[in-house]
Amino acid sequence: MSVLGMDPAELRLHAARVDVLAEEPRSALEAARTTAADHDAFGVLCSFLVPLLAGTQLTGIAACATTVGSLATAATEVRSVAAGIEATDVAVAATATGLSRTVDGVREQAWPAAAGVVETVAGAAQATGEELVRGTVRQAVGAVVEAAAWLDRLEGSPVSPVAPPAVPVPVGVPVGVPAPGAEVAP
């Protein structure tokens, strides 16, 4: 996976450079506006030159104005990108922090729950004998494996939704008691 890193401070510095670059065409624009030929610029004898030069002068003034406007827009857009990157970084950090807290909360709940199932196994071993113990051990191992697999999926792919593990049976509730005469695999 490739990583794209952008420093908002560098982007703002670049925008400032673009502002500096805009000064040169801005000066040219002001000079072109100042020196544009008036109707009486060449006197009566050469007054025919004013309309001939007006098209060229107006085109030059328009080109300078477009350049100045484009550079100002570019600098503004670069600053907007920098602000957007900072806002995105804040949002992603908040999401990652929330996700981390969720994973930690699941860990805190899943492992004590698995320990509760193991306590059930120990209690069942003392109370009812080997058949119930085998069923309860299978349940405890299944709950631990399911919780571990769920955590692995959650950590490996935080975007994809995964179902939480099944809620383990509370301590003291017999589960998996085989029917009388049923075979229980070791």
Protein backbone atom coordinates (compact mmCIF):
# COMPACT_ATOMS: atom_id res chain seq x y z
CA MET A 1 0.00 0.00 0.00
CA SER A 2 1.38 3.42 -0.89
CA VAL A 3 1.16 6.31 1.51
CA LEU A 4 0.44 9.89 0.52
CA GLY A 5 1.62 12.44 3.01
CA MET A 6 0.89 16.14 2.82
CA ASP A 7 2.07 18.77 5.24
CA PRO A 8 -0.49 21.59 5.58
CA ALA A 9 2.28 24.00 6.63
CA GLU A 10 4.14 23.26 3.38
CA LEU A 11 0.95 23.82 1.41
CA ARG A 12 0.45 27.20 3.09
CA LEU A 13 4.06 28.09 2.32
CA HIS A 14 3.44 27.17 -1.32
CA ALA A 15 0.31 29.35 -1.35
CA ALA A 16 2.40 32.26 -0.05
CA ARG A 17 4.89 31.69 -2.90
CA VAL A 18 2.02 31.75 -5.39
CA ASP A 19 0.89 35.06 -3.87
CA VAL A 20 4.41 36.43 -4.42
CA LEU A 21 4.35 35.18 -8.02
CA ALA A 22 1.04 36.99 -8.53
CA GLU A 23 2.67 40.33 -7.72
CA GLU A 24 4.57 40.48 -11.02
CA PRO A 25 1.54 40.18 -13.31
CA ARG A 26 -0.36 42.45 -10.90
CA SER A 27 2.31 45.13 -11.44
CA ALA A 28 2.11 44.56 -15.20
CA LEU A 29 -1.68 44.90 -15.03
CA GLU A 30 -1.48 48.21 -13.21
CA ALA A 31 1.16 49.46 -15.64
CA ALA A 32 -0.95 48.41 -18.63
CA ARG A 33 -4.00 50.17 -17.23
CA THR A 34 -1.99 53.31 -16.49
CA THR A 35 -0.37 53.50 -19.91
CA ALA A 36 -3.42 52.63 -22.00
CA ALA A 37 -3.78 55.13 -24.82
CA ASP A 38 -6.51 57.72 -24.46
CA HIS A 39 -8.36 59.10 -27.48
CA ASP A 40 -6.14 62.16 -27.52
CA ALA A 41 -2.87 60.30 -26.80
CA PHE A 42 -1.38 60.79 -30.27
CA GLY A 43 -2.93 64.11 -31.12
CA VAL A 44 -5.23 64.84 -34.01
CA LEU A 45 -2.83 63.84 -36.76
CA CYS A 46 -2.16 60.30 -35.42
CA SER A 47 -5.53 59.73 -33.77
CA PHE A 48 -6.13 56.77 -36.10
CA LEU A 49 -3.53 54.79 -34.08
CA VAL A 50 -5.67 54.75 -30.91
CA PRO A 51 -8.34 52.34 -32.27
CA LEU A 52 -5.64 50.17 -33.86
CA LEU A 53 -3.77 49.82 -30.56
CA ALA A 54 -6.87 49.58 -28.36
CA GLY A 55 -7.56 45.94 -29.25
CA THR A 56 -4.01 44.89 -28.43
CA GLN A 57 -3.97 46.94 -25.24
CA LEU A 58 -7.32 45.57 -24.04
CA THR A 59 -6.23 42.00 -24.83
CA GLY A 60 -3.02 42.52 -22.82
CA ILE A 61 -4.93 44.05 -19.91
CA ALA A 62 -7.43 41.16 -19.96
CA ALA A 63 -4.60 38.59 -20.06
CA CYS A 64 -2.86 40.22 -17.08
CA ALA A 65 -6.14 40.42 -15.15
CA THR A 66 -6.87 36.74 -15.87
CA THR A 67 -3.37 35.75 -14.75
CA VAL A 68 -3.65 37.73 -11.52
CA GLY A 69 -7.11 36.27 -10.82
CA SER A 70 -5.97 32.72 -11.59
CA LEU A 71 -2.94 32.97 -9.32
CA ALA A 72 -5.04 34.43 -6.50
CA THR A 73 -7.58 31.61 -6.94
CA ALA A 74 -4.80 29.01 -6.98
CA ALA A 75 -3.33 30.36 -3.73
CA THR A 76 -6.78 30.33 -2.11
CA GLU A 77 -7.43 26.78 -3.29
CA VAL A 78 -4.07 25.55 -1.96
CA ARG A 79 -4.93 27.09 1.43
CA SER A 80 -8.33 25.35 1.27
CA VAL A 81 -6.61 22.02 0.58
CA ALA A 82 -4.37 22.57 3.63
CA ALA A 83 -7.43 23.30 5.80
CA GLY A 84 -9.21 20.24 4.38
CA ILE A 85 -6.24 18.01 5.16
CA GLU A 86 -6.15 19.25 8.74
CA ALA A 87 -9.90 18.71 9.16
CA THR A 88 -9.61 15.22 7.66
CA ASP A 89 -6.70 14.37 9.96
CA VAL A 90 -8.75 15.43 12.98
CA ALA A 91 -11.74 13.36 11.83
CA VAL A 92 -9.63 10.29 11.08
CA ALA A 93 -7.84 10.58 14.43
CA ALA A 94 -11.19 10.78 16.24
CA THR A 95 -12.48 7.74 14.33
CA ALA A 96 -9.31 5.75 15.03
CA THR A 97 -9.46 6.67 18.71
CA GLY A 98 -13.09 5.57 18.91
CA LEU A 99 -12.28 2.34 17.10
CA SER A 100 -9.38 1.68 19.45
CA ARG A 101 -11.62 2.24 22.45
CA THR A 102 -14.20 -0.14 20.97
CA VAL A 103 -11.60 -2.86 20.43
CA ASP A 104 -10.24 -2.35 23.94
CA GLY A 105 -13.77 -2.53 25.34
CA VAL A 106 -14.44 -5.75 23.46
CA ARG A 107 -11.19 -7.21 24.77
CA GLU A 108 -12.12 -6.23 28.30
CA GLN A 109 -15.50 -7.91 27.92
CA ALA A 110 -14.56 -10.95 25.81
CA TRP A 111 -11.75 -12.37 27.92
CA PRO A 112 -13.51 -12.06 31.31
CA ALA A 113 -16.55 -13.67 29.69
CA ALA A 114 -14.37 -16.54 28.48
CA ALA A 115 -12.95 -16.83 31.99
CA GLY A 116 -16.52 -17.03 33.28
CA VAL A 117 -17.15 -19.97 30.97
CA VAL A 118 -14.03 -21.67 32.29
CA GLU A 119 -15.32 -21.14 35.84
CA THR A 120 -18.53 -22.82 34.71
CA VAL A 121 -16.46 -25.76 33.52
CA ALA A 122 -14.74 -26.06 36.87
CA GLY A 123 -18.05 -25.86 38.73
CA ALA A 124 -19.63 -28.41 36.41
CA ALA A 125 -16.72 -30.79 36.91
CA GLN A 126 -17.27 -30.78 40.61
CA ALA A 127 -21.06 -30.96 40.49
CA THR A 128 -22.12 -33.30 37.74
CA GLY A 129 -19.34 -35.42 36.41
CA GLU A 130 -17.44 -36.07 33.25
CA GLU A 131 -20.19 -35.93 30.58
CA LEU A 132 -21.25 -32.41 31.45
CA VAL A 133 -17.63 -31.34 31.75
CA ARG A 134 -16.87 -32.47 28.19
CA GLY A 135 -19.80 -30.49 26.78
CA THR A 136 -18.95 -27.44 28.83
CA VAL A 137 -15.28 -27.59 27.86
CA ARG A 138 -16.30 -27.67 24.20
CA GLN A 139 -18.50 -24.62 24.81
CA ALA A 140 -15.71 -22.75 26.63
CA VAL A 141 -13.16 -23.50 23.93
CA GLY A 142 -15.66 -22.48 21.26
CA ALA A 143 -16.40 -19.19 23.02
CA VAL A 144 -12.70 -18.35 23.39
CA VAL A 145 -11.94 -19.27 19.77
CA GLU A 146 -14.95 -17.28 18.53
CA ALA A 147 -13.97 -14.22 20.59
CA ALA A 148 -10.36 -14.41 19.38
CA ALA A 149 -11.44 -14.77 15.74
CA TRP A 150 -13.83 -11.85 16.09
CA LEU A 151 -11.09 -9.65 17.56
CA ASP A 152 -8.72 -10.65 14.74
CA ARG A 153 -11.34 -9.70 12.14
CA LEU A 154 -12.07 -6.45 13.91
CA GLU A 155 -8.41 -5.46 14.13
CA GLY A 156 -7.63 -6.61 10.60
CA SER A 157 -10.51 -4.83 8.90
CA PRO A 158 -11.92 -1.93 10.94
CA VAL A 159 -14.18 -0.87 8.07
CA SER A 160 -16.07 -4.12 7.53
CA PRO A 161 -18.82 -4.82 10.04
CA VAL A 162 -18.48 -8.07 11.91
CA ALA A 163 -20.91 -9.75 14.23
CA PRO A 164 -19.95 -9.83 17.90
CA PRO A 165 -19.27 -13.20 19.45
CA ALA A 166 -22.14 -15.10 21.00
CA VAL A 167 -22.77 -14.16 24.60
CA PRO A 168 -21.33 -16.87 26.86
CA VAL A 169 -23.64 -18.59 29.24
CA PRO A 170 -23.55 -17.12 32.76
CA VAL A 171 -21.80 -19.07 35.48
CA GLY A 172 -23.96 -21.74 37.08
CA VAL A 173 -26.33 -22.32 34.13
CA PRO A 174 -25.89 -25.85 32.78
CA VAL A 175 -25.46 -25.92 29.02
CA GLY A 176 -24.71 -28.77 26.70
CA VAL A 177 -26.04 -31.41 29.06
CA PRO A 178 -26.32 -34.49 26.89
CA ALA A 179 -29.57 -36.38 26.85
CA PRO A 180 -29.52 -39.59 28.88
CA GLY A 181 -27.97 -42.35 26.79
CA ALA A 182 -26.53 -39.93 24.17
CA GLU A 183 -22.94 -40.37 23.13
CA VAL A 184 -20.54 -37.55 23.88
CA ALA A 185 -17.36 -37.38 21.84
CA PRO A 186 -14.21 -36.92 23.87
